[in-house]
Amino acid sequence: RGPCPALNTMANHGYIPRDGRHITQPMLMDVLERVLGLGRT
């Protein structure tokens, strides 16, 4: 895990790999938009 609670939370729920490894940019963009509601810019 890392210092970002939001991304750690995404890993704990399996929206990104649960082991916290091999997270690609499209994967991260997807969860930031669809799970956390962040705007595209």
PDB file of all heavy atoms in Angstrom:
ATOM      1  N   ARG A   1       0.843  -1.178   0.000  1.00  0.00           N
ATOM      2  CA  ARG A   1       0.000   0.000   0.000  1.00  0.00           C
ATOM      3  C   ARG A   1       0.888   1.241   0.000  1.00  0.00           C
ATOM      4  O   ARG A   1       2.086   1.161   0.237  1.00  0.00           O
ATOM      5  CB  ARG A   1      -0.940   0.009   1.217  1.00  0.00           C
ATOM      6  CG  ARG A   1      -1.960  -1.131   1.229  1.00  0.00           C
ATOM      7  CD  ARG A   1      -2.962  -0.981   0.110  1.00  0.00           C
ATOM      8  NE  ARG A   1      -4.007  -2.012   0.120  1.00  0.00           N
ATOM      9  CZ  ARG A   1      -3.973  -3.114  -0.633  1.00  0.00           C
ATOM     10  NH1 ARG A   1      -2.936  -3.349  -1.436  1.00  0.00           N
ATOM     11  NH2 ARG A   1      -4.965  -3.985  -0.584  1.00  0.00           N
ATOM     12  N   GLY A   2       0.287   2.388  -0.269  1.00  0.00           N
ATOM     13  CA  GLY A   2       1.036   3.633  -0.336  1.00  0.00           C
ATOM     14  C   GLY A   2       0.430   4.691   0.554  1.00  0.00           C
ATOM     15  O   GLY A   2      -0.438   4.407   1.389  1.00  0.00           O
ATOM     16  N   PRO A   3       0.831   5.943   0.377  1.00  0.00           N
ATOM     17  CA  PRO A   3       0.367   7.017   1.252  1.00  0.00           C
ATOM     18  C   PRO A   3      -0.997   7.594   0.883  1.00  0.00           C
ATOM     19  O   PRO A   3      -1.492   8.468   1.589  1.00  0.00           O
ATOM     20  CB  PRO A   3       1.457   8.073   1.093  1.00  0.00           C
ATOM     21  CG  PRO A   3       1.961   7.873  -0.303  1.00  0.00           C
ATOM     22  CD  PRO A   3       1.894   6.397  -0.542  1.00  0.00           C
ATOM     23  N   CYS A   4      -1.601   7.134  -0.213  1.00  0.00           N
ATOM     24  CA  CYS A   4      -2.878   7.691  -0.664  1.00  0.00           C
ATOM     25  C   CYS A   4      -4.047   6.836  -0.165  1.00  0.00           C
ATOM     26  O   CYS A   4      -4.236   5.706  -0.633  1.00  0.00           O
ATOM     27  CB  CYS A   4      -2.917   7.760  -2.192  1.00  0.00           C
ATOM     28  SG  CYS A   4      -4.491   8.399  -2.835  1.00  0.00           S
ATOM     29  N   PRO A   5      -4.851   7.350   0.772  1.00  0.00           N
ATOM     30  CA  PRO A   5      -5.974   6.557   1.287  1.00  0.00           C
ATOM     31  C   PRO A   5      -6.963   6.150   0.202  1.00  0.00           C
ATOM     32  O   PRO A   5      -7.527   5.054   0.258  1.00  0.00           O
ATOM     33  CB  PRO A   5      -6.629   7.494   2.311  1.00  0.00           C
ATOM     34  CG  PRO A   5      -5.576   8.481   2.680  1.00  0.00           C
ATOM     35  CD  PRO A   5      -4.736   8.655   1.444  1.00  0.00           C
ATOM     36  N   ALA A   6      -7.178   7.033  -0.784  1.00  0.00           N
ATOM     37  CA  ALA A   6      -8.152   6.724  -1.834  1.00  0.00           C
ATOM     38  C   ALA A   6      -7.723   5.511  -2.649  1.00  0.00           C
ATOM     39  O   ALA A   6      -8.521   4.601  -2.912  1.00  0.00           O
ATOM     40  CB  ALA A   6      -8.350   7.933  -2.735  1.00  0.00           C
ATOM     41  N   LEU A   7      -6.458   5.474  -3.070  1.00  0.00           N
ATOM     42  CA  LEU A   7      -5.986   4.343  -3.880  1.00  0.00           C
ATOM     43  C   LEU A   7      -5.876   3.074  -3.036  1.00  0.00           C
ATOM     44  O   LEU A   7      -6.146   1.974  -3.534  1.00  0.00           O
ATOM     45  CB  LEU A   7      -4.644   4.681  -4.527  1.00  0.00           C
ATOM     46  CG  LEU A   7      -4.685   5.821  -5.549  1.00  0.00           C
ATOM     47  CD1 LEU A   7      -3.332   5.954  -6.250  1.00  0.00           C
ATOM     48  CD2 LEU A   7      -5.797   5.620  -6.577  1.00  0.00           C
ATOM     49  N   ASN A   8      -5.489   3.206  -1.774  1.00  0.00           N
ATOM     50  CA  ASN A   8      -5.476   2.037  -0.896  1.00  0.00           C
ATOM     51  C   ASN A   8      -6.883   1.467  -0.752  1.00  0.00           C
ATOM     52  O   ASN A   8      -7.078   0.244  -0.762  1.00  0.00           O
ATOM     53  CB  ASN A   8      -4.927   2.406   0.483  1.00  0.00           C
ATOM     54  CG  ASN A   8      -3.453   2.749   0.463  1.00  0.00           C
ATOM     55  OD1 ASN A   8      -2.744   2.462  -0.495  1.00  0.00           O
ATOM     56  ND2 ASN A   8      -2.975   3.369   1.526  1.00  0.00           N
ATOM     57  N   THR A   9      -7.863   2.356  -0.648  1.00  0.00           N
ATOM     58  CA  THR A   9      -9.249   1.924  -0.553  1.00  0.00           C
ATOM     59  C   THR A   9      -9.676   1.201  -1.822  1.00  0.00           C
ATOM     60  O   THR A   9     -10.351   0.164  -1.766  1.00  0.00           O
ATOM     61  CB  THR A   9     -10.172   3.136  -0.302  1.00  0.00           C
ATOM     62  OG1 THR A   9      -9.817   3.748   0.936  1.00  0.00           O
ATOM     63  CG2 THR A   9     -11.633   2.723  -0.262  1.00  0.00           C
ATOM     64  N   MET A  10      -9.276   1.728  -2.977  1.00  0.00           N
ATOM     65  CA  MET A  10      -9.612   1.073  -4.238  1.00  0.00           C
ATOM     66  C   MET A  10      -9.011  -0.336  -4.302  1.00  0.00           C
ATOM     67  O   MET A  10      -9.652  -1.269  -4.793  1.00  0.00           O
ATOM     68  CB  MET A  10      -9.125   1.906  -5.417  1.00  0.00           C
ATOM     69  CG  MET A  10      -9.809   3.262  -5.591  1.00  0.00           C
ATOM     70  SD  MET A  10     -11.613   3.191  -5.847  1.00  0.00           S
ATOM     71  CE  MET A  10     -12.199   3.415  -4.150  1.00  0.00           C
ATOM     72  N   ALA A  11      -7.802  -0.494  -3.792  1.00  0.00           N
ATOM     73  CA  ALA A  11      -7.176  -1.821  -3.775  1.00  0.00           C
ATOM     74  C   ALA A  11      -7.891  -2.752  -2.794  1.00  0.00           C
ATOM     75  O   ALA A  11      -8.109  -3.940  -3.090  1.00  0.00           O
ATOM     76  CB  ALA A  11      -5.698  -1.700  -3.409  1.00  0.00           C
ATOM     77  N   ASN A  12      -8.281  -2.239  -1.647  1.00  0.00           N
ATOM     78  CA  ASN A  12      -8.967  -3.069  -0.648  1.00  0.00           C
ATOM     79  C   ASN A  12     -10.323  -3.557  -1.137  1.00  0.00           C
ATOM     80  O   ASN A  12     -10.834  -4.568  -0.641  1.00  0.00           O
ATOM     81  CB  ASN A  12      -9.137  -2.290   0.657  1.00  0.00           C
ATOM     82  CG  ASN A  12      -7.827  -2.062   1.385  1.00  0.00           C
ATOM     83  OD1 ASN A  12      -6.828  -2.717   1.102  1.00  0.00           O
ATOM     84  ND2 ASN A  12      -7.828  -1.116   2.310  1.00  0.00           N
ATOM     85  N   HIS A  13     -10.891  -2.861  -2.110  1.00  0.00           N
ATOM     86  CA  HIS A  13     -12.176  -3.278  -2.685  1.00  0.00           C
ATOM     87  C   HIS A  13     -12.003  -3.955  -4.045  1.00  0.00           C
ATOM     88  O   HIS A  13     -12.997  -4.323  -4.674  1.00  0.00           O
ATOM     89  CB  HIS A  13     -13.108  -2.075  -2.829  1.00  0.00           C
ATOM     90  CG  HIS A  13     -13.735  -1.644  -1.532  1.00  0.00           C
ATOM     91  ND1 HIS A  13     -14.931  -2.141  -1.071  1.00  0.00           N
ATOM     92  CD2 HIS A  13     -13.298  -0.767  -0.586  1.00  0.00           C
ATOM     93  CE1 HIS A  13     -15.227  -1.581   0.092  1.00  0.00           C
ATOM     94  NE2 HIS A  13     -14.254  -0.735   0.415  1.00  0.00           N
ATOM     95  N   GLY A  14     -10.778  -4.098  -4.511  1.00  0.00           N
ATOM     96  CA  GLY A  14     -10.539  -4.823  -5.752  1.00  0.00           C
ATOM     97  C   GLY A  14     -10.785  -4.034  -7.013  1.00  0.00           C
ATOM     98  O   GLY A  14     -10.799  -4.609  -8.109  1.00  0.00           O
ATOM     99  N   TYR A  15     -10.956  -2.709  -6.920  1.00  0.00           N
ATOM    100  CA  TYR A  15     -11.144  -1.912  -8.126  1.00  0.00           C
ATOM    101  C   TYR A  15      -9.836  -1.715  -8.889  1.00  0.00           C
ATOM    102  O   TYR A  15      -9.842  -1.431 -10.085  1.00  0.00           O
ATOM    103  CB  TYR A  15     -11.756  -0.556  -7.784  1.00  0.00           C
ATOM    104  CG  TYR A  15     -13.191  -0.650  -7.339  1.00  0.00           C
ATOM    105  CD1 TYR A  15     -13.558  -0.317  -6.035  1.00  0.00           C
ATOM    106  CD2 TYR A  15     -14.187  -1.082  -8.212  1.00  0.00           C
ATOM    107  CE1 TYR A  15     -14.876  -0.405  -5.626  1.00  0.00           C
ATOM    108  CE2 TYR A  15     -15.505  -1.178  -7.808  1.00  0.00           C
ATOM    109  CZ  TYR A  15     -15.848  -0.835  -6.504  1.00  0.00           C
ATOM    110  OH  TYR A  15     -17.152  -0.934  -6.097  1.00  0.00           O
ATOM    111  N   ILE A  16      -8.730  -1.822  -8.172  1.00  0.00           N
ATOM    112  CA  ILE A  16      -7.408  -1.982  -8.759  1.00  0.00           C
ATOM    113  C   ILE A  16      -6.827  -3.235  -8.107  1.00  0.00           C
ATOM    114  O   ILE A  16      -7.382  -3.724  -7.116  1.00  0.00           O
ATOM    115  CB  ILE A  16      -6.508  -0.738  -8.535  1.00  0.00           C
ATOM    116  CG1 ILE A  16      -6.378  -0.407  -7.052  1.00  0.00           C
ATOM    117  CG2 ILE A  16      -7.049   0.454  -9.323  1.00  0.00           C
ATOM    118  CD1 ILE A  16      -5.451   0.772  -6.768  1.00  0.00           C
ATOM    119  N   PRO A  17      -5.761  -3.813  -8.643  1.00  0.00           N
ATOM    120  CA  PRO A  17      -5.274  -5.081  -8.086  1.00  0.00           C
ATOM    121  C   PRO A  17      -5.116  -5.041  -6.565  1.00  0.00           C
ATOM    122  O   PRO A  17      -4.522  -4.122  -6.006  1.00  0.00           O
ATOM    123  CB  PRO A  17      -3.931  -5.258  -8.789  1.00  0.00           C
ATOM    124  CG  PRO A  17      -4.133  -4.599 -10.114  1.00  0.00           C
ATOM    125  CD  PRO A  17      -4.983  -3.393  -9.826  1.00  0.00           C
ATOM    126  N   ARG A  18      -5.665  -6.044  -5.914  1.00  0.00           N
ATOM    127  CA  ARG A  18      -5.672  -6.077  -4.453  1.00  0.00           C
ATOM    128  C   ARG A  18      -4.277  -6.151  -3.850  1.00  0.00           C
ATOM    129  O   ARG A  18      -4.085  -5.739  -2.698  1.00  0.00           O
ATOM    130  CB  ARG A  18      -6.519  -7.261  -3.959  1.00  0.00           C
ATOM    131  CG  ARG A  18      -8.015  -7.096  -4.236  1.00  0.00           C
ATOM    132  CD  ARG A  18      -8.806  -8.223  -3.615  1.00  0.00           C
ATOM    133  NE  ARG A  18     -10.222  -8.157  -3.966  1.00  0.00           N
ATOM    134  CZ  ARG A  18     -11.143  -7.501  -3.273  1.00  0.00           C
ATOM    135  NH1 ARG A  18     -10.781  -6.853  -2.181  1.00  0.00           N
ATOM    136  NH2 ARG A  18     -12.409  -7.498  -3.667  1.00  0.00           N
ATOM    137  N   ASP A  19      -3.317  -6.644  -4.613  1.00  0.00           N
ATOM    138  CA  ASP A  19      -1.962  -6.709  -4.049  1.00  0.00           C
ATOM    139  C   ASP A  19      -1.213  -5.386  -4.187  1.00  0.00           C
ATOM    140  O   ASP A  19      -0.089  -5.251  -3.702  1.00  0.00           O
ATOM    141  CB  ASP A  19      -1.158  -7.851  -4.672  1.00  0.00           C
ATOM    142  CG  ASP A  19      -0.892  -7.662  -6.160  1.00  0.00           C
ATOM    143  OD1 ASP A  19      -1.341  -6.649  -6.733  1.00  0.00           O
ATOM    144  OD2 ASP A  19      -0.231  -8.554  -6.746  1.00  0.00           O
ATOM    145  N   GLY A  20      -1.825  -4.400  -4.865  1.00  0.00           N
ATOM    146  CA  GLY A  20      -1.207  -3.090  -4.998  1.00  0.00           C
ATOM    147  C   GLY A  20      -0.121  -3.010  -6.051  1.00  0.00           C
ATOM    148  O   GLY A  20       0.630  -2.030  -6.085  1.00  0.00           O
ATOM    149  N   ARG A  21      -0.078  -3.985  -6.945  1.00  0.00           N
ATOM    150  CA  ARG A  21       0.980  -4.046  -7.948  1.00  0.00           C
ATOM    151  C   ARG A  21       0.403  -3.996  -9.370  1.00  0.00           C
ATOM    152  O   ARG A  21      -0.753  -4.312  -9.597  1.00  0.00           O
ATOM    153  CB  ARG A  21       1.799  -5.331  -7.786  1.00  0.00           C
ATOM    154  CG  ARG A  21       2.533  -5.435  -6.451  1.00  0.00           C
ATOM    155  CD  ARG A  21       3.215  -6.790  -6.303  1.00  0.00           C
ATOM    156  NE  ARG A  21       4.077  -6.865  -5.125  1.00  0.00           N
ATOM    157  CZ  ARG A  21       3.656  -7.205  -3.917  1.00  0.00           C
ATOM    158  NH1 ARG A  21       2.379  -7.517  -3.719  1.00  0.00           N
ATOM    159  NH2 ARG A  21       4.502  -7.233  -2.896  1.00  0.00           N
ATOM    160  N   HIS A  22       1.250  -3.582 -10.319  1.00  0.00           N
ATOM    161  CA  HIS A  22       0.916  -3.616 -11.738  1.00  0.00           C
ATOM    162  C   HIS A  22      -0.372  -2.854 -12.059  1.00  0.00           C
ATOM    163  O   HIS A  22      -1.263  -3.368 -12.737  1.00  0.00           O
ATOM    164  CB  HIS A  22       0.829  -5.064 -12.226  1.00  0.00           C
ATOM    165  CG  HIS A  22       2.097  -5.827 -12.031  1.00  0.00           C
ATOM    166  ND1 HIS A  22       2.121  -7.129 -11.597  1.00  0.00           N
ATOM    167  CD2 HIS A  22       3.393  -5.453 -12.161  1.00  0.00           C
ATOM    168  CE1 HIS A  22       3.383  -7.543 -11.506  1.00  0.00           C
ATOM    169  NE2 HIS A  22       4.170  -6.535 -11.851  1.00  0.00           N
ATOM    170  N   ILE A  23      -0.447  -1.634 -11.595  1.00  0.00           N
ATOM    171  CA  ILE A  23      -1.601  -0.771 -11.850  1.00  0.00           C
ATOM    172  C   ILE A  23      -1.296   0.050 -13.093  1.00  0.00           C
ATOM    173  O   ILE A  23      -0.352   0.844 -13.112  1.00  0.00           O
ATOM    174  CB  ILE A  23      -1.861   0.151 -10.650  1.00  0.00           C
ATOM    175  CG1 ILE A  23      -2.110  -0.687  -9.388  1.00  0.00           C
ATOM    176  CG2 ILE A  23      -3.043   1.085 -10.931  1.00  0.00           C
ATOM    177  CD1 ILE A  23      -1.994   0.105  -8.105  1.00  0.00           C
ATOM    178  N   THR A  24      -2.083  -0.126 -14.139  1.00  0.00           N
ATOM    179  CA  THR A  24      -1.834   0.601 -15.386  1.00  0.00           C
ATOM    180  C   THR A  24      -2.575   1.936 -15.381  1.00  0.00           C
ATOM    181  O   THR A  24      -3.499   2.156 -14.591  1.00  0.00           O
ATOM    182  CB  THR A  24      -2.280  -0.224 -16.603  1.00  0.00           C
ATOM    183  OG1 THR A  24      -3.711  -0.373 -16.566  1.00  0.00           O
ATOM    184  CG2 THR A  24      -1.606  -1.589 -16.617  1.00  0.00           C
ATOM    185  N   GLN A  25      -2.178   2.813 -16.295  1.00  0.00           N
ATOM    186  CA  GLN A  25      -2.793   4.131 -16.355  1.00  0.00           C
ATOM    187  C   GLN A  25      -4.281   4.060 -16.725  1.00  0.00           C
ATOM    188  O   GLN A  25      -5.101   4.715 -16.072  1.00  0.00           O
ATOM    189  CB  GLN A  25      -2.032   5.029 -17.327  1.00  0.00           C
ATOM    190  CG  GLN A  25      -2.429   6.489 -17.244  1.00  0.00           C
ATOM    191  CD  GLN A  25      -1.450   7.400 -17.956  1.00  0.00           C
ATOM    192  OE1 GLN A  25      -0.543   6.950 -18.638  1.00  0.00           O
ATOM    193  NE2 GLN A  25      -1.633   8.696 -17.809  1.00  0.00           N
ATOM    194  N   PRO A  26      -4.690   3.274 -17.742  1.00  0.00           N
ATOM    195  CA  PRO A  26      -6.129   3.167 -18.021  1.00  0.00           C
ATOM    196  C   PRO A  26      -6.921   2.630 -16.833  1.00  0.00           C
ATOM    197  O   PRO A  26      -8.047   3.070 -16.582  1.00  0.00           O
ATOM    198  CB  PRO A  26      -6.180   2.195 -19.208  1.00  0.00           C
ATOM    199  CG  PRO A  26      -4.854   2.342 -19.870  1.00  0.00           C
ATOM    200  CD  PRO A  26      -3.876   2.554 -18.758  1.00  0.00           C
ATOM    201  N   MET A  27      -6.337   1.684 -16.114  1.00  0.00           N
ATOM    202  CA  MET A  27      -6.998   1.122 -14.945  1.00  0.00           C
ATOM    203  C   MET A  27      -7.238   2.203 -13.890  1.00  0.00           C
ATOM    204  O   MET A  27      -8.335   2.329 -13.325  1.00  0.00           O
ATOM    205  CB  MET A  27      -6.106   0.007 -14.368  1.00  0.00           C
ATOM    206  CG  MET A  27      -6.723  -0.845 -13.286  1.00  0.00           C
ATOM    207  SD  MET A  27      -5.486  -1.998 -12.614  1.00  0.00           S
ATOM    208  CE  MET A  27      -5.045  -2.935 -14.072  1.00  0.00           C
ATOM    209  N   LEU A  28      -6.204   3.012 -13.654  1.00  0.00           N
ATOM    210  CA  LEU A  28      -6.302   4.063 -12.655  1.00  0.00           C
ATOM    211  C   LEU A  28      -7.290   5.143 -13.093  1.00  0.00           C
ATOM    212  O   LEU A  28      -8.108   5.633 -12.289  1.00  0.00           O
ATOM    213  CB  LEU A  28      -4.921   4.670 -12.399  1.00  0.00           C
ATOM    214  CG  LEU A  28      -4.811   5.694 -11.277  1.00  0.00           C
ATOM    215  CD1 LEU A  28      -5.290   5.102  -9.964  1.00  0.00           C
ATOM    216  CD2 LEU A  28      -3.367   6.173 -11.153  1.00  0.00           C
ATOM    217  N   MET A  29      -7.237   5.526 -14.362  1.00  0.00           N
ATOM    218  CA  MET A  29      -8.165   6.538 -14.875  1.00  0.00           C
ATOM    219  C   MET A  29      -9.611   6.073 -14.722  1.00  0.00           C
ATOM    220  O   MET A  29     -10.498   6.859 -14.381  1.00  0.00           O
ATOM    221  CB  MET A  29      -7.840   6.837 -16.337  1.00  0.00           C
ATOM    222  CG  MET A  29      -6.497   7.517 -16.549  1.00  0.00           C
ATOM    223  SD  MET A  29      -5.980   7.562 -18.290  1.00  0.00           S
ATOM    224  CE  MET A  29      -7.057   8.861 -18.907  1.00  0.00           C
ATOM    225  N   ASP A  30      -9.845   4.810 -14.947  1.00  0.00           N
ATOM    226  CA  ASP A  30     -11.181   4.244 -14.880  1.00  0.00           C
ATOM    227  C   ASP A  30     -11.762   4.362 -13.478  1.00  0.00           C
ATOM    228  O   ASP A  30     -12.890   4.835 -13.285  1.00  0.00           O
ATOM    229  CB  ASP A  30     -11.137   2.788 -15.321  1.00  0.00           C
ATOM    230  CG  ASP A  30     -12.508   2.225 -15.667  1.00  0.00           C
ATOM    231  OD1 ASP A  30     -13.380   3.006 -16.091  1.00  0.00           O
ATOM    232  OD2 ASP A  30     -12.697   1.012 -15.508  1.00  0.00           O
ATOM    233  N   VAL A  31     -10.995   3.935 -12.463  1.00  0.00           N
ATOM    234  CA  VAL A  31     -11.549   3.948 -11.106  1.00  0.00           C
ATOM    235  C   VAL A  31     -11.683   5.367 -10.564  1.00  0.00           C
ATOM    236  O   VAL A  31     -12.620   5.657  -9.806  1.00  0.00           O
ATOM    237  CB  VAL A  31     -10.719   3.082 -10.141  1.00  0.00           C
ATOM    238  CG1 VAL A  31     -10.723   1.638 -10.591  1.00  0.00           C
ATOM    239  CG2 VAL A  31      -9.303   3.585  -9.977  1.00  0.00           C
ATOM    240  N   LEU A  32     -10.762   6.255 -10.941  1.00  0.00           N
ATOM    241  CA  LEU A  32     -10.871   7.635 -10.476  1.00  0.00           C
ATOM    242  C   LEU A  32     -12.146   8.290 -10.996  1.00  0.00           C
ATOM    243  O   LEU A  32     -12.782   9.084 -10.297  1.00  0.00           O
ATOM    244  CB  LEU A  32      -9.653   8.454 -10.928  1.00  0.00           C
ATOM    245  CG  LEU A  32      -8.329   8.130 -10.243  1.00  0.00           C
ATOM    246  CD1 LEU A  32      -7.195   8.936 -10.853  1.00  0.00           C
ATOM    247  CD2 LEU A  32      -8.403   8.367  -8.736  1.00  0.00           C
ATOM    248  N   GLU A  33     -12.541   7.915 -12.201  1.00  0.00           N
ATOM    249  CA  GLU A  33     -13.759   8.486 -12.777  1.00  0.00           C
ATOM    250  C   GLU A  33     -15.005   7.771 -12.276  1.00  0.00           C
ATOM    251  O   GLU A  33     -15.957   8.404 -11.802  1.00  0.00           O
ATOM    252  CB  GLU A  33     -13.705   8.416 -14.302  1.00  0.00           C
ATOM    253  CG  GLU A  33     -14.949   9.017 -14.963  1.00  0.00           C
ATOM    254  CD  GLU A  33     -14.879   8.980 -16.482  1.00  0.00           C
ATOM    255  OE1 GLU A  33     -14.190   8.109 -17.047  1.00  0.00           O
ATOM    256  OE2 GLU A  33     -15.524   9.836 -17.109  1.00  0.00           O
ATOM    257  N   ARG A  34     -15.018   6.458 -12.380  1.00  0.00           N
ATOM    258  CA  ARG A  34     -16.265   5.727 -12.179  1.00  0.00           C
ATOM    259  C   ARG A  34     -16.556   5.361 -10.728  1.00  0.00           C
ATOM    260  O   ARG A  34     -17.710   5.147 -10.360  1.00  0.00           O
ATOM    261  CB  ARG A  34     -16.273   4.475 -13.039  1.00  0.00           C
ATOM    262  CG  ARG A  34     -16.414   4.783 -14.514  1.00  0.00           C
ATOM    263  CD  ARG A  34     -17.079   3.648 -15.237  1.00  0.00           C
ATOM    264  NE  ARG A  34     -16.135   2.620 -15.593  1.00  0.00           N
ATOM    265  CZ  ARG A  34     -16.474   1.376 -15.931  1.00  0.00           C
ATOM    266  NH1 ARG A  34     -17.732   1.007 -15.890  1.00  0.00           N
ATOM    267  NH2 ARG A  34     -15.553   0.499 -16.287  1.00  0.00           N
ATOM    268  N   VAL A  35     -15.524   5.292  -9.904  1.00  0.00           N
ATOM    269  CA  VAL A  35     -15.747   4.939  -8.503  1.00  0.00           C
ATOM    270  C   VAL A  35     -15.677   6.162  -7.600  1.00  0.00           C
ATOM    271  O   VAL A  35     -16.488   6.318  -6.696  1.00  0.00           O
ATOM    272  CB  VAL A  35     -14.735   3.871  -8.033  1.00  0.00           C
ATOM    273  CG1 VAL A  35     -15.031   3.455  -6.587  1.00  0.00           C
ATOM    274  CG2 VAL A  35     -14.778   2.648  -8.944  1.00  0.00           C
ATOM    275  N   LEU A  36     -14.713   7.061  -7.874  1.00  0.00           N
ATOM    276  CA  LEU A  36     -14.517   8.211  -6.992  1.00  0.00           C
ATOM    277  C   LEU A  36     -15.095   9.513  -7.539  1.00  0.00           C
ATOM    278  O   LEU A  36     -15.119  10.513  -6.830  1.00  0.00           O
ATOM    279  CB  LEU A  36     -13.022   8.382  -6.693  1.00  0.00           C
ATOM    280  CG  LEU A  36     -12.393   7.248  -5.882  1.00  0.00           C
ATOM    281  CD1 LEU A  36     -10.910   7.499  -5.687  1.00  0.00           C
ATOM    282  CD2 LEU A  36     -13.093   7.099  -4.536  1.00  0.00           C
ATOM    283  N   GLY A  37     -15.524   9.536  -8.796  1.00  0.00           N
ATOM    284  CA  GLY A  37     -16.204  10.707  -9.320  1.00  0.00           C
ATOM    285  C   GLY A  37     -15.306  11.904  -9.560  1.00  0.00           C
ATOM    286  O   GLY A  37     -15.730  13.053  -9.400  1.00  0.00           O
ATOM    287  N   LEU A  38     -14.077  11.656  -9.974  1.00  0.00           N
ATOM    288  CA  LEU A  38     -13.163  12.748 -10.296  1.00  0.00           C
ATOM    289  C   LEU A  38     -13.355  13.149 -11.755  1.00  0.00           C
ATOM    290  O   LEU A  38     -13.552  12.296 -12.623  1.00  0.00           O
ATOM    291  CB  LEU A  38     -11.722  12.284 -10.061  1.00  0.00           C
ATOM    292  CG  LEU A  38     -10.642  13.354  -9.856  1.00  0.00           C
ATOM    293  CD1 LEU A  38     -10.968  14.236  -8.661  1.00  0.00           C
ATOM    294  CD2 LEU A  38      -9.282  12.694  -9.670  1.00  0.00           C
ATOM    295  N   GLY A  39     -13.292  14.438 -12.028  1.00  0.00           N
ATOM    296  CA  GLY A  39     -13.434  14.924 -13.392  1.00  0.00           C
ATOM    297  C   GLY A  39     -12.215  14.594 -14.235  1.00  0.00           C
ATOM    298  O   GLY A  39     -11.124  14.335 -13.719  1.00  0.00           O
ATOM    299  N   ARG A  40     -12.387  14.652 -15.537  1.00  0.00           N
ATOM    300  CA  ARG A  40     -11.355  14.133 -16.434  1.00  0.00           C
ATOM    301  C   ARG A  40     -10.071  14.953 -16.448  1.00  0.00           C
ATOM    302  O   ARG A  40      -8.985  14.381 -16.576  1.00  0.00           O
ATOM    303  CB  ARG A  40     -11.940  13.971 -17.841  1.00  0.00           C
ATOM    304  CG  ARG A  40     -12.971  12.850 -17.884  1.00  0.00           C
ATOM    305  CD  ARG A  40     -13.365  12.462 -19.280  1.00  0.00           C
ATOM    306  NE  ARG A  40     -14.163  11.244 -19.253  1.00  0.00           N
ATOM    307  CZ  ARG A  40     -14.504  10.546 -20.334  1.00  0.00           C
ATOM    308  NH1 ARG A  40     -14.126  10.967 -21.533  1.00  0.00           N
ATOM    309  NH2 ARG A  40     -15.216   9.450 -20.219  1.00  0.00           N
ATOM    310  N   THR A  41     -10.155  16.273 -16.343  1.00  0.00           N
ATOM    311  CA  THR A  41      -8.915  17.057 -16.282  1.00  0.00           C
ATOM    312  C   THR A  41      -8.141  16.730 -15.021  1.00  0.00           C
ATOM    313  O   THR A  41      -6.915  16.570 -15.049  1.00  0.00           O
ATOM    314  CB  THR A  41      -9.213  18.562 -16.348  1.00  0.00           C
ATOM    315  OG1 THR A  41      -9.799  18.866 -17.617  1.00  0.00           O
ATOM    316  CG2 THR A  41      -7.937  19.381 -16.184  1.00  0.00           C
TER     317      THR A  41
END
